[in-house]
Amino acid sequence: LLQAFGGGLVQPGGSLRLSCAASGFTLDYYTIGWFRQAPGKEREWVSCISSSDSRTYYVPSVKGRFTISRDNAKGTAYLQMNRLKPEDTAVYYCHAGRLVGDSWQNYWGQGTLVTVSS
């Protein structure tokens, strides 16, 4: 089970930190990703962090503003979002995935709403 939380209402230019907590499995072996879905739009990938060496990747629209991290000891991943813009408004989902043999093992969190508005 994955649980995403930390969303809320924030003014443009503000910050939020999202958390993604795993239970029932060990997060260490999974690549963690954050996705978002804005109203009326397709779900898009935002960022991910690898399991082996914690390499991070970002969609260009958030690079330099968002930071993904993980704390395997706590079984939790984070998405620190700074300098938020109205276009960042979306439901944010976390995902944990790993390749086991020839198939992917996937977990999705339930989503947390981020609203950026004055």
N, C-alpha and C. Protein backbone atom coordinates (compact mmCIF):
# COMPACT_ATOMS: atom_id res chain seq x y z
N LEU A 1 0.83 -1.18 0.00
CA LEU A 1 0.00 0.00 0.00
C LEU A 1 0.88 1.25 0.00
N LEU A 2 0.49 2.21 -0.84
CA LEU A 2 1.17 3.50 -0.85
C LEU A 2 0.17 4.58 -0.47
N GLN A 3 0.60 5.51 0.36
CA GLN A 3 -0.26 6.63 0.74
C GLN A 3 0.45 7.94 0.45
N ALA A 4 -0.21 8.78 -0.34
CA ALA A 4 0.34 10.09 -0.65
C ALA A 4 -0.43 11.13 0.15
N PHE A 5 0.29 12.08 0.72
CA PHE A 5 -0.38 13.13 1.47
C PHE A 5 0.51 14.37 1.48
N GLY A 6 -0.07 15.46 1.95
CA GLY A 6 0.66 16.72 2.03
C GLY A 6 0.15 17.79 1.10
N GLY A 7 -0.85 17.48 0.28
CA GLY A 7 -1.39 18.48 -0.62
C GLY A 7 -2.18 19.54 0.13
N GLY A 8 -2.58 20.56 -0.60
CA GLY A 8 -3.35 21.64 0.00
C GLY A 8 -3.42 22.83 -0.91
N LEU A 9 -3.90 23.94 -0.34
CA LEU A 9 -4.02 25.19 -1.08
C LEU A 9 -2.82 26.07 -0.75
N VAL A 10 -2.18 26.58 -1.77
CA VAL A 10 -1.01 27.43 -1.56
C VAL A 10 -1.03 28.56 -2.58
N GLN A 11 -0.49 29.69 -2.19
CA GLN A 11 -0.45 30.82 -3.12
C GLN A 11 0.68 30.65 -4.13
N PRO A 12 0.55 31.27 -5.29
CA PRO A 12 1.66 31.24 -6.26
C PRO A 12 2.96 31.71 -5.61
N GLY A 13 4.03 31.00 -5.91
CA GLY A 13 5.32 31.30 -5.30
C GLY A 13 5.57 30.57 -4.01
N GLY A 14 4.55 29.91 -3.48
CA GLY A 14 4.69 29.19 -2.22
C GLY A 14 5.28 27.80 -2.40
N SER A 15 5.33 27.06 -1.28
CA SER A 15 5.94 25.74 -1.26
C SER A 15 5.03 24.73 -0.58
N LEU A 16 5.19 23.49 -0.96
CA LEU A 16 4.54 22.36 -0.31
C LEU A 16 5.49 21.17 -0.38
N ARG A 17 5.37 20.28 0.60
CA ARG A 17 6.11 19.03 0.52
C ARG A 17 5.12 17.87 0.56
N LEU A 18 5.15 17.07 -0.47
CA LEU A 18 4.31 15.87 -0.53
C LEU A 18 5.11 14.69 0.01
N SER A 19 4.40 13.79 0.66
CA SER A 19 5.01 12.57 1.16
C SER A 19 4.31 11.36 0.57
N CYS A 20 5.07 10.28 0.45
CA CYS A 20 4.54 9.02 -0.09
C CYS A 20 5.05 7.92 0.81
N ALA A 21 4.17 7.33 1.59
CA ALA A 21 4.56 6.34 2.58
C ALA A 21 4.15 4.95 2.14
N ALA A 22 5.08 4.01 2.26
CA ALA A 22 4.82 2.62 1.89
C ALA A 22 4.54 1.79 3.13
N SER A 23 3.61 0.88 2.99
CA SER A 23 3.36 -0.08 4.06
C SER A 23 3.10 -1.44 3.43
N GLY A 24 3.60 -2.48 4.08
CA GLY A 24 3.39 -3.82 3.58
C GLY A 24 4.43 -4.29 2.60
N PHE A 25 5.36 -3.41 2.24
CA PHE A 25 6.46 -3.82 1.38
C PHE A 25 7.63 -2.88 1.64
N THR A 26 8.81 -3.31 1.18
CA THR A 26 10.04 -2.53 1.41
C THR A 26 10.29 -1.62 0.22
N LEU A 27 10.35 -0.33 0.53
CA LEU A 27 10.49 0.66 -0.53
C LEU A 27 11.86 0.65 -1.19
N ASP A 28 12.85 0.10 -0.49
CA ASP A 28 14.25 0.18 -0.93
C ASP A 28 14.46 -0.25 -2.38
N TYR A 29 13.72 -1.27 -2.82
CA TYR A 29 14.01 -1.89 -4.11
C TYR A 29 13.21 -1.30 -5.26
N TYR A 30 12.47 -0.23 -4.96
CA TYR A 30 11.56 0.32 -5.96
C TYR A 30 12.02 1.69 -6.45
N THR A 31 11.83 1.92 -7.73
CA THR A 31 11.91 3.27 -8.26
C THR A 31 10.63 3.99 -7.87
N ILE A 32 10.77 5.20 -7.37
CA ILE A 32 9.62 5.98 -6.92
C ILE A 32 9.37 7.09 -7.93
N GLY A 33 8.13 7.25 -8.31
CA GLY A 33 7.78 8.32 -9.24
C GLY A 33 6.61 9.13 -8.72
N TRP A 34 6.59 10.38 -9.14
CA TRP A 34 5.44 11.24 -8.89
C TRP A 34 4.82 11.59 -10.24
N PHE A 35 3.49 11.52 -10.28
CA PHE A 35 2.72 11.88 -11.46
C PHE A 35 1.67 12.90 -11.02
N ARG A 36 1.12 13.60 -11.98
CA ARG A 36 0.04 14.53 -11.64
C ARG A 36 -0.99 14.55 -12.76
N GLN A 37 -2.21 14.88 -12.36
CA GLN A 37 -3.29 14.99 -13.34
C GLN A 37 -4.09 16.24 -13.04
N ALA A 38 -4.01 17.18 -13.97
CA ALA A 38 -4.76 18.41 -13.86
C ALA A 38 -6.17 18.19 -14.39
N PRO A 39 -7.13 19.02 -13.97
CA PRO A 39 -8.51 18.85 -14.44
C PRO A 39 -8.59 18.87 -15.97
N GLY A 40 -9.22 17.86 -16.53
CA GLY A 40 -9.41 17.80 -17.97
C GLY A 40 -8.19 17.40 -18.77
N LYS A 41 -7.13 17.00 -18.08
CA LYS A 41 -5.89 16.62 -18.78
C LYS A 41 -5.48 15.20 -18.46
N GLU A 42 -4.57 14.70 -19.28
CA GLU A 42 -4.02 13.36 -19.06
C GLU A 42 -3.07 13.39 -17.86
N ARG A 43 -2.91 12.24 -17.23
CA ARG A 43 -1.92 12.13 -16.17
C ARG A 43 -0.54 12.25 -16.79
N GLU A 44 0.34 13.04 -16.16
CA GLU A 44 1.69 13.20 -16.68
C GLU A 44 2.72 12.85 -15.61
N TRP A 45 3.83 12.35 -16.08
CA TRP A 45 4.95 12.05 -15.19
C TRP A 45 5.62 13.35 -14.79
N VAL A 46 6.02 13.45 -13.53
CA VAL A 46 6.65 14.66 -13.00
C VAL A 46 8.11 14.44 -12.64
N SER A 47 8.38 13.34 -11.91
CA SER A 47 9.72 13.13 -11.40
C SER A 47 9.85 11.68 -10.96
N CYS A 48 11.10 11.19 -10.89
CA CYS A 48 11.33 9.88 -10.32
C CYS A 48 12.71 9.82 -9.70
N ILE A 49 12.89 8.83 -8.83
CA ILE A 49 14.17 8.61 -8.17
C ILE A 49 14.44 7.11 -8.18
N SER A 50 15.64 6.75 -8.60
CA SER A 50 15.95 5.33 -8.76
C SER A 50 16.18 4.65 -7.41
N SER A 51 16.08 3.35 -7.42
CA SER A 51 16.26 2.59 -6.19
C SER A 51 17.73 2.38 -5.87
N SER A 52 18.55 2.17 -6.90
CA SER A 52 19.92 1.73 -6.67
C SER A 52 20.84 2.86 -6.22
N ASP A 53 20.79 4.00 -6.92
CA ASP A 53 21.73 5.08 -6.62
C ASP A 53 21.04 6.41 -6.41
N SER A 54 19.72 6.39 -6.26
CA SER A 54 18.93 7.61 -6.00
C SER A 54 19.15 8.70 -7.05
N ARG A 55 19.35 8.29 -8.30
CA ARG A 55 19.40 9.29 -9.37
C ARG A 55 18.01 9.88 -9.53
N THR A 56 17.98 11.16 -9.83
CA THR A 56 16.70 11.86 -9.94
C THR A 56 16.48 12.39 -11.36
N TYR A 57 15.22 12.45 -11.73
CA TYR A 57 14.83 12.91 -13.06
C TYR A 57 13.57 13.76 -12.92
N TYR A 58 13.47 14.77 -13.80
CA TYR A 58 12.34 15.70 -13.71
C TYR A 58 11.82 16.06 -15.10
N VAL A 59 10.53 16.31 -15.17
CA VAL A 59 9.98 16.90 -16.38
C VAL A 59 10.50 18.33 -16.45
N PRO A 60 10.80 18.85 -17.65
CA PRO A 60 11.40 20.19 -17.73
C PRO A 60 10.60 21.30 -17.02
N SER A 61 9.29 21.18 -16.98
CA SER A 61 8.48 22.26 -16.40
C SER A 61 8.66 22.42 -14.90
N VAL A 62 9.23 21.41 -14.22
CA VAL A 62 9.41 21.52 -12.77
C VAL A 62 10.88 21.51 -12.36
N LYS A 63 11.76 21.27 -13.31
CA LYS A 63 13.19 21.19 -12.98
C LYS A 63 13.66 22.51 -12.39
N GLY A 64 14.38 22.42 -11.28
CA GLY A 64 14.86 23.61 -10.60
C GLY A 64 13.89 24.13 -9.55
N ARG A 65 12.66 23.65 -9.56
CA ARG A 65 11.67 24.05 -8.56
C ARG A 65 11.27 22.90 -7.64
N PHE A 66 11.22 21.69 -8.17
CA PHE A 66 10.82 20.52 -7.40
C PHE A 66 12.05 19.67 -7.10
N THR A 67 12.02 19.01 -5.95
CA THR A 67 13.09 18.09 -5.57
C THR A 67 12.48 16.80 -5.03
N ILE A 68 12.84 15.68 -5.64
CA ILE A 68 12.39 14.39 -5.16
C ILE A 68 13.47 13.78 -4.29
N SER A 69 13.05 13.08 -3.25
CA SER A 69 14.01 12.43 -2.37
C SER A 69 13.35 11.20 -1.77
N ARG A 70 14.17 10.40 -1.09
CA ARG A 70 13.63 9.20 -0.45
C ARG A 70 14.38 8.93 0.85
N ASP A 71 13.67 8.35 1.79
CA ASP A 71 14.26 7.91 3.05
C ASP A 71 13.83 6.46 3.22
N ASN A 72 14.69 5.55 2.78
CA ASN A 72 14.33 4.13 2.81
C ASN A 72 14.11 3.63 4.24
N ALA A 73 14.83 4.17 5.18
CA ALA A 73 14.67 3.74 6.57
C ALA A 73 13.26 4.02 7.07
N LYS A 74 12.67 5.10 6.56
CA LYS A 74 11.31 5.46 6.96
C LYS A 74 10.27 4.93 5.99
N GLY A 75 10.73 4.33 4.89
CA GLY A 75 9.79 3.82 3.90
C GLY A 75 8.97 4.94 3.26
N THR A 76 9.60 6.07 3.05
CA THR A 76 8.88 7.25 2.59
C THR A 76 9.68 7.98 1.51
N ALA A 77 8.95 8.51 0.54
CA ALA A 77 9.55 9.38 -0.48
C ALA A 77 8.87 10.73 -0.39
N TYR A 78 9.55 11.75 -0.92
CA TYR A 78 9.06 13.11 -0.80
C TYR A 78 9.15 13.84 -2.13
N LEU A 79 8.31 14.84 -2.27
CA LEU A 79 8.42 15.76 -3.39
C LEU A 79 8.31 17.16 -2.81
N GLN A 80 9.45 17.84 -2.73
CA GLN A 80 9.47 19.22 -2.27
C GLN A 80 9.19 20.12 -3.46
N MET A 81 8.14 20.92 -3.35
CA MET A 81 7.73 21.78 -4.46
C MET A 81 7.85 23.24 -4.03
N ASN A 82 8.74 23.95 -4.72
CA ASN A 82 8.96 25.36 -4.44
C ASN A 82 8.54 26.21 -5.63
N ARG A 83 8.37 27.48 -5.37
CA ARG A 83 8.01 28.45 -6.43
C ARG A 83 6.83 27.92 -7.26
N LEU A 84 5.81 27.50 -6.54
CA LEU A 84 4.66 26.89 -7.21
C LEU A 84 3.93 27.88 -8.10
N LYS A 85 3.39 27.35 -9.19
CA LYS A 85 2.66 28.15 -10.17
C LYS A 85 1.23 27.62 -10.29
N PRO A 86 0.31 28.44 -10.74
CA PRO A 86 -1.07 27.95 -10.92
C PRO A 86 -1.14 26.72 -11.81
N GLU A 87 -0.25 26.60 -12.77
CA GLU A 87 -0.28 25.43 -13.66
C GLU A 87 0.22 24.16 -13.00
N ASP A 88 0.70 24.27 -11.77
CA ASP A 88 1.06 23.07 -11.00
C ASP A 88 -0.16 22.46 -10.30
N THR A 89 -1.29 23.14 -10.38
CA THR A 89 -2.51 22.62 -9.77
C THR A 89 -2.89 21.29 -10.39
N ALA A 90 -3.04 20.28 -9.55
CA ALA A 90 -3.34 18.93 -10.03
C ALA A 90 -3.50 18.00 -8.84
N VAL A 91 -4.00 16.81 -9.11
CA VAL A 91 -3.92 15.73 -8.13
C VAL A 91 -2.58 15.03 -8.38
N TYR A 92 -1.81 14.90 -7.33
CA TYR A 92 -0.48 14.29 -7.41
C TYR A 92 -0.55 12.86 -6.88
N TYR A 93 0.04 11.95 -7.65
CA TYR A 93 0.06 10.54 -7.31
C TYR A 93 1.51 10.06 -7.18
N CYS A 94 1.75 9.20 -6.21
CA CYS A 94 3.06 8.57 -6.16
C CYS A 94 2.94 7.14 -6.65
N HIS A 95 4.04 6.66 -7.17
CA HIS A 95 4.09 5.33 -7.76
C HIS A 95 5.39 4.66 -7.34
N ALA A 96 5.32 3.37 -7.04
CA ALA A 96 6.51 2.57 -6.77
C ALA A 96 6.53 1.42 -7.75
N GLY A 97 7.65 1.22 -8.42
CA GLY A 97 7.72 0.16 -9.41
C GLY A 97 9.08 -0.51 -9.43
N ARG A 98 9.07 -1.79 -9.72
CA ARG A 98 10.32 -2.50 -9.91
C ARG A 98 10.09 -3.65 -10.88
N LEU A 99 11.16 -4.00 -11.59
CA LEU A 99 11.11 -5.09 -12.55
C LEU A 99 11.44 -6.38 -11.82
N VAL A 100 10.52 -7.34 -11.87
CA VAL A 100 10.73 -8.64 -11.27
C VAL A 100 10.64 -9.66 -12.39
N GLY A 101 11.80 -10.20 -12.79
CA GLY A 101 11.82 -11.07 -13.95
C GLY A 101 11.47 -10.28 -15.20
N ASP A 102 10.38 -10.65 -15.86
CA ASP A 102 9.95 -9.97 -17.08
C ASP A 102 8.76 -9.05 -16.85
N SER A 103 8.34 -8.89 -15.62
CA SER A 103 7.14 -8.09 -15.39
C SER A 103 7.39 -7.03 -14.33
N TRP A 104 6.59 -5.94 -14.41
CA TRP A 104 6.71 -4.86 -13.46
C TRP A 104 5.77 -5.11 -12.28
N GLN A 105 6.29 -4.81 -11.10
CA GLN A 105 5.49 -4.84 -9.89
C GLN A 105 5.22 -3.38 -9.53
N ASN A 106 3.93 -3.00 -9.46
CA ASN A 106 3.56 -1.60 -9.32
C ASN A 106 2.64 -1.36 -8.13
N TYR A 107 2.85 -0.21 -7.49
CA TYR A 107 1.93 0.28 -6.47
C TYR A 107 1.63 1.75 -6.78
N TRP A 108 0.38 2.13 -6.58
CA TRP A 108 -0.03 3.53 -6.75
C TRP A 108 -0.62 4.05 -5.45
N GLY A 109 -0.26 5.29 -5.12
CA GLY A 109 -0.92 5.96 -4.01
C GLY A 109 -2.26 6.51 -4.47
N GLN A 110 -3.06 7.00 -3.54
CA GLN A 110 -4.42 7.40 -3.84
C GLN A 110 -4.53 8.82 -4.38
N GLY A 111 -3.48 9.61 -4.35
CA GLY A 111 -3.53 10.97 -4.88
C GLY A 111 -3.78 11.98 -3.79
N THR A 112 -3.14 13.13 -3.95
CA THR A 112 -3.34 14.24 -3.03
C THR A 112 -3.44 15.53 -3.86
N LEU A 113 -4.44 16.35 -3.55
CA LEU A 113 -4.74 17.52 -4.37
C LEU A 113 -3.87 18.70 -3.98
N VAL A 114 -3.23 19.29 -4.99
CA VAL A 114 -2.47 20.52 -4.82
C VAL A 114 -3.16 21.61 -5.62
N THR A 115 -3.52 22.68 -4.94
CA THR A 115 -4.17 23.82 -5.61
C THR A 115 -3.31 25.05 -5.39
N VAL A 116 -2.88 25.65 -6.49
CA VAL A 116 -2.06 26.85 -6.43
C VAL A 116 -2.91 28.02 -6.93
N SER A 117 -3.29 28.87 -6.01
CA SER A 117 -4.21 29.96 -6.36
C SER A 117 -4.09 31.08 -5.35
N SER A 118 -4.29 32.30 -5.83
CA SER A 118 -4.31 33.44 -4.92
C SER A 118 -5.74 33.75 -4.48
